Amino acid sequence: MSVLTRAFSSWGRDQALIEADEVAYECARPGCSPIGGVTEGEIAQVTGTVHSMAVQPSGKRPELRVELS
């Protein structure tokens, strides 16, 4: 779907739906997979909107926790 087509189809739509469609479009790229398949400690590249973020030491290793919406 072209950028122009997506822009015209978004007129009159709720902002949350527009953002959800944009994330779905980004996630449809080759090589992308659902975040639910990522295991703890696995290095992964993710796409989404950051809802919250915390950097805290957990035990002896620093830890980055990010909640995506």
N, C-alpha and C. Protein backbone atom coordinates (compact mmCIF):
# COMPACT_ATOMS: atom_id res chain seq x y z
N MET A 1 0.86 -1.17 0.00
CA MET A 1 0.00 0.00 0.00
C MET A 1 0.90 1.23 0.00
N SER A 2 0.65 2.16 -0.89
CA SER A 2 1.49 3.35 -0.98
C SER A 2 1.19 4.32 0.16
N VAL A 3 2.11 5.23 0.39
CA VAL A 3 1.95 6.23 1.45
C VAL A 3 0.72 7.08 1.17
N LEU A 4 0.51 7.46 -0.07
CA LEU A 4 -0.64 8.28 -0.44
C LEU A 4 -1.95 7.53 -0.20
N THR A 5 -1.98 6.26 -0.56
CA THR A 5 -3.19 5.46 -0.34
C THR A 5 -3.50 5.35 1.15
N ARG A 6 -2.45 5.11 1.95
CA ARG A 6 -2.66 5.02 3.41
C ARG A 6 -3.14 6.35 3.97
N ALA A 7 -2.62 7.47 3.46
CA ALA A 7 -3.03 8.79 3.95
C ALA A 7 -4.51 9.04 3.66
N PHE A 8 -4.95 8.74 2.44
CA PHE A 8 -6.36 8.96 2.10
C PHE A 8 -7.28 8.02 2.87
N SER A 9 -6.85 6.79 3.11
CA SER A 9 -7.72 5.84 3.81
C SER A 9 -7.83 6.16 5.29
N SER A 10 -6.94 7.02 5.82
CA SER A 10 -6.97 7.34 7.25
C SER A 10 -7.89 8.51 7.60
N TRP A 11 -8.40 9.23 6.62
CA TRP A 11 -9.28 10.36 6.90
C TRP A 11 -10.53 9.90 7.61
N GLY A 12 -10.87 10.56 8.71
CA GLY A 12 -12.09 10.25 9.44
C GLY A 12 -11.98 9.04 10.35
N ARG A 13 -10.78 8.51 10.53
CA ARG A 13 -10.60 7.33 11.38
C ARG A 13 -10.03 7.74 12.73
N ASP A 14 -10.29 6.95 13.74
CA ASP A 14 -9.76 7.16 15.08
C ASP A 14 -8.23 7.06 15.06
N GLN A 15 -7.56 7.92 15.80
CA GLN A 15 -6.09 7.94 15.82
C GLN A 15 -5.50 6.61 16.27
N ALA A 16 -6.12 5.95 17.22
CA ALA A 16 -5.60 4.65 17.70
C ALA A 16 -5.64 3.61 16.58
N LEU A 17 -6.69 3.62 15.78
CA LEU A 17 -6.78 2.68 14.66
C LEU A 17 -5.73 2.98 13.60
N ILE A 18 -5.49 4.26 13.36
CA ILE A 18 -4.47 4.66 12.39
C ILE A 18 -3.10 4.17 12.84
N GLU A 19 -2.78 4.38 14.13
CA GLU A 19 -1.49 3.96 14.66
C GLU A 19 -1.37 2.44 14.63
N ALA A 20 -2.45 1.72 14.93
CA ALA A 20 -2.41 0.26 14.89
C ALA A 20 -2.14 -0.24 13.47
N ASP A 21 -2.75 0.41 12.48
CA ASP A 21 -2.50 0.05 11.09
C ASP A 21 -1.05 0.31 10.70
N GLU A 22 -0.48 1.42 11.19
CA GLU A 22 0.92 1.74 10.87
C GLU A 22 1.87 0.69 11.46
N VAL A 23 1.60 0.28 12.69
CA VAL A 23 2.43 -0.76 13.33
C VAL A 23 2.29 -2.07 12.58
N ALA A 24 1.05 -2.43 12.20
CA ALA A 24 0.83 -3.67 11.46
C ALA A 24 1.57 -3.63 10.12
N TYR A 25 1.58 -2.49 9.47
CA TYR A 25 2.29 -2.32 8.20
C TYR A 25 3.78 -2.53 8.40
N GLU A 26 4.34 -1.95 9.46
CA GLU A 26 5.78 -2.11 9.76
C GLU A 26 6.10 -3.57 10.08
N CYS A 27 5.22 -4.24 10.78
CA CYS A 27 5.47 -5.62 11.20
C CYS A 27 5.29 -6.62 10.07
N ALA A 28 4.71 -6.21 8.97
CA ALA A 28 4.49 -7.11 7.84
C ALA A 28 5.75 -7.24 6.97
N ARG A 29 6.82 -6.54 7.33
CA ARG A 29 8.04 -6.60 6.55
C ARG A 29 8.67 -8.00 6.65
N PRO A 30 9.39 -8.42 5.63
CA PRO A 30 10.07 -9.72 5.69
C PRO A 30 11.04 -9.78 6.87
N GLY A 31 11.06 -10.89 7.57
CA GLY A 31 11.95 -11.08 8.71
C GLY A 31 11.35 -10.69 10.04
N CYS A 32 10.17 -10.08 10.03
CA CYS A 32 9.51 -9.69 11.28
C CYS A 32 8.67 -10.85 11.80
N SER A 33 8.60 -10.96 13.12
CA SER A 33 7.76 -11.97 13.74
C SER A 33 7.15 -11.39 15.00
N PRO A 34 6.07 -11.97 15.51
CA PRO A 34 5.41 -11.44 16.71
C PRO A 34 6.34 -11.43 17.92
N ILE A 35 6.21 -10.41 18.76
CA ILE A 35 7.07 -10.28 19.94
C ILE A 35 6.80 -11.40 20.94
N GLY A 36 5.63 -12.01 20.87
CA GLY A 36 5.31 -13.11 21.77
C GLY A 36 6.23 -14.30 21.61
N GLY A 37 6.92 -14.39 20.47
CA GLY A 37 7.84 -15.49 20.23
C GLY A 37 9.25 -15.23 20.75
N VAL A 38 9.51 -14.04 21.31
CA VAL A 38 10.83 -13.71 21.84
C VAL A 38 10.94 -14.24 23.27
N THR A 39 12.02 -14.94 23.56
CA THR A 39 12.22 -15.49 24.91
C THR A 39 13.10 -14.57 25.74
N GLU A 40 13.01 -14.69 27.05
CA GLU A 40 13.81 -13.87 27.96
C GLU A 40 15.29 -14.07 27.68
N GLY A 41 16.01 -12.97 27.56
CA GLY A 41 17.45 -13.02 27.32
C GLY A 41 17.82 -13.05 25.85
N GLU A 42 16.84 -13.25 24.97
CA GLU A 42 17.11 -13.30 23.53
C GLU A 42 17.30 -11.89 22.99
N ILE A 43 18.25 -11.71 22.11
CA ILE A 43 18.45 -10.42 21.45
C ILE A 43 17.46 -10.34 20.31
N ALA A 44 16.70 -9.25 20.26
CA ALA A 44 15.66 -9.11 19.25
C ALA A 44 15.53 -7.66 18.82
N GLN A 45 15.03 -7.46 17.62
CA GLN A 45 14.70 -6.13 17.12
C GLN A 45 13.19 -6.06 17.05
N VAL A 46 12.60 -5.05 17.69
CA VAL A 46 11.14 -4.94 17.75
C VAL A 46 10.69 -3.59 17.22
N THR A 47 9.42 -3.53 16.84
CA THR A 47 8.81 -2.29 16.35
C THR A 47 7.54 -2.05 17.13
N GLY A 48 7.31 -0.82 17.54
CA GLY A 48 6.09 -0.47 18.25
C GLY A 48 6.22 0.90 18.88
N THR A 49 5.22 1.27 19.63
CA THR A 49 5.20 2.53 20.35
C THR A 49 5.52 2.25 21.80
N VAL A 50 6.54 2.93 22.33
CA VAL A 50 6.95 2.71 23.72
C VAL A 50 5.92 3.32 24.64
N HIS A 51 5.37 2.48 25.52
CA HIS A 51 4.39 2.93 26.51
C HIS A 51 5.09 3.30 27.81
N SER A 52 6.07 2.50 28.22
CA SER A 52 6.87 2.81 29.41
C SER A 52 8.23 2.14 29.29
N MET A 53 9.20 2.66 30.03
CA MET A 53 10.55 2.13 29.97
C MET A 53 11.20 2.28 31.33
N ALA A 54 11.96 1.26 31.75
CA ALA A 54 12.67 1.30 33.03
C ALA A 54 14.03 0.64 32.86
N VAL A 55 15.06 1.25 33.44
CA VAL A 55 16.39 0.67 33.45
C VAL A 55 16.75 0.44 34.92
N GLN A 56 16.88 -0.82 35.30
CA GLN A 56 17.14 -1.15 36.69
C GLN A 56 18.13 -2.31 36.76
N PRO A 57 19.03 -2.27 37.74
CA PRO A 57 19.85 -3.47 37.93
C PRO A 57 19.00 -4.58 38.53
N SER A 58 19.10 -5.73 37.96
CA SER A 58 18.37 -6.89 38.46
C SER A 58 19.40 -7.96 38.81
N GLY A 59 19.66 -8.13 40.09
CA GLY A 59 20.74 -9.04 40.47
C GLY A 59 22.06 -8.38 40.18
N LYS A 60 22.89 -9.02 39.38
CA LYS A 60 24.21 -8.47 39.06
C LYS A 60 24.27 -7.86 37.67
N ARG A 61 23.21 -8.04 36.87
CA ARG A 61 23.22 -7.50 35.51
C ARG A 61 22.24 -6.34 35.38
N PRO A 62 22.61 -5.29 34.63
CA PRO A 62 21.63 -4.23 34.36
C PRO A 62 20.52 -4.79 33.46
N GLU A 63 19.35 -4.23 33.57
CA GLU A 63 18.20 -4.73 32.82
C GLU A 63 17.42 -3.57 32.24
N LEU A 64 17.00 -3.69 31.01
CA LEU A 64 16.16 -2.71 30.34
C LEU A 64 14.81 -3.36 30.09
N ARG A 65 13.75 -2.75 30.61
CA ARG A 65 12.40 -3.26 30.40
C ARG A 65 11.61 -2.19 29.65
N VAL A 66 11.00 -2.60 28.55
CA VAL A 66 10.23 -1.68 27.73
C VAL A 66 8.86 -2.30 27.48
N GLU A 67 7.81 -1.53 27.71
CA GLU A 67 6.45 -1.99 27.42
C GLU A 67 6.00 -1.30 26.14
N LEU A 68 5.64 -2.10 25.15
CA LEU A 68 5.17 -1.56 23.88
C LEU A 68 3.66 -1.66 23.82
N SER A 69 3.06 -0.71 23.11
CA SER A 69 1.61 -0.76 22.92
C SER A 69 1.29 -0.86 21.46
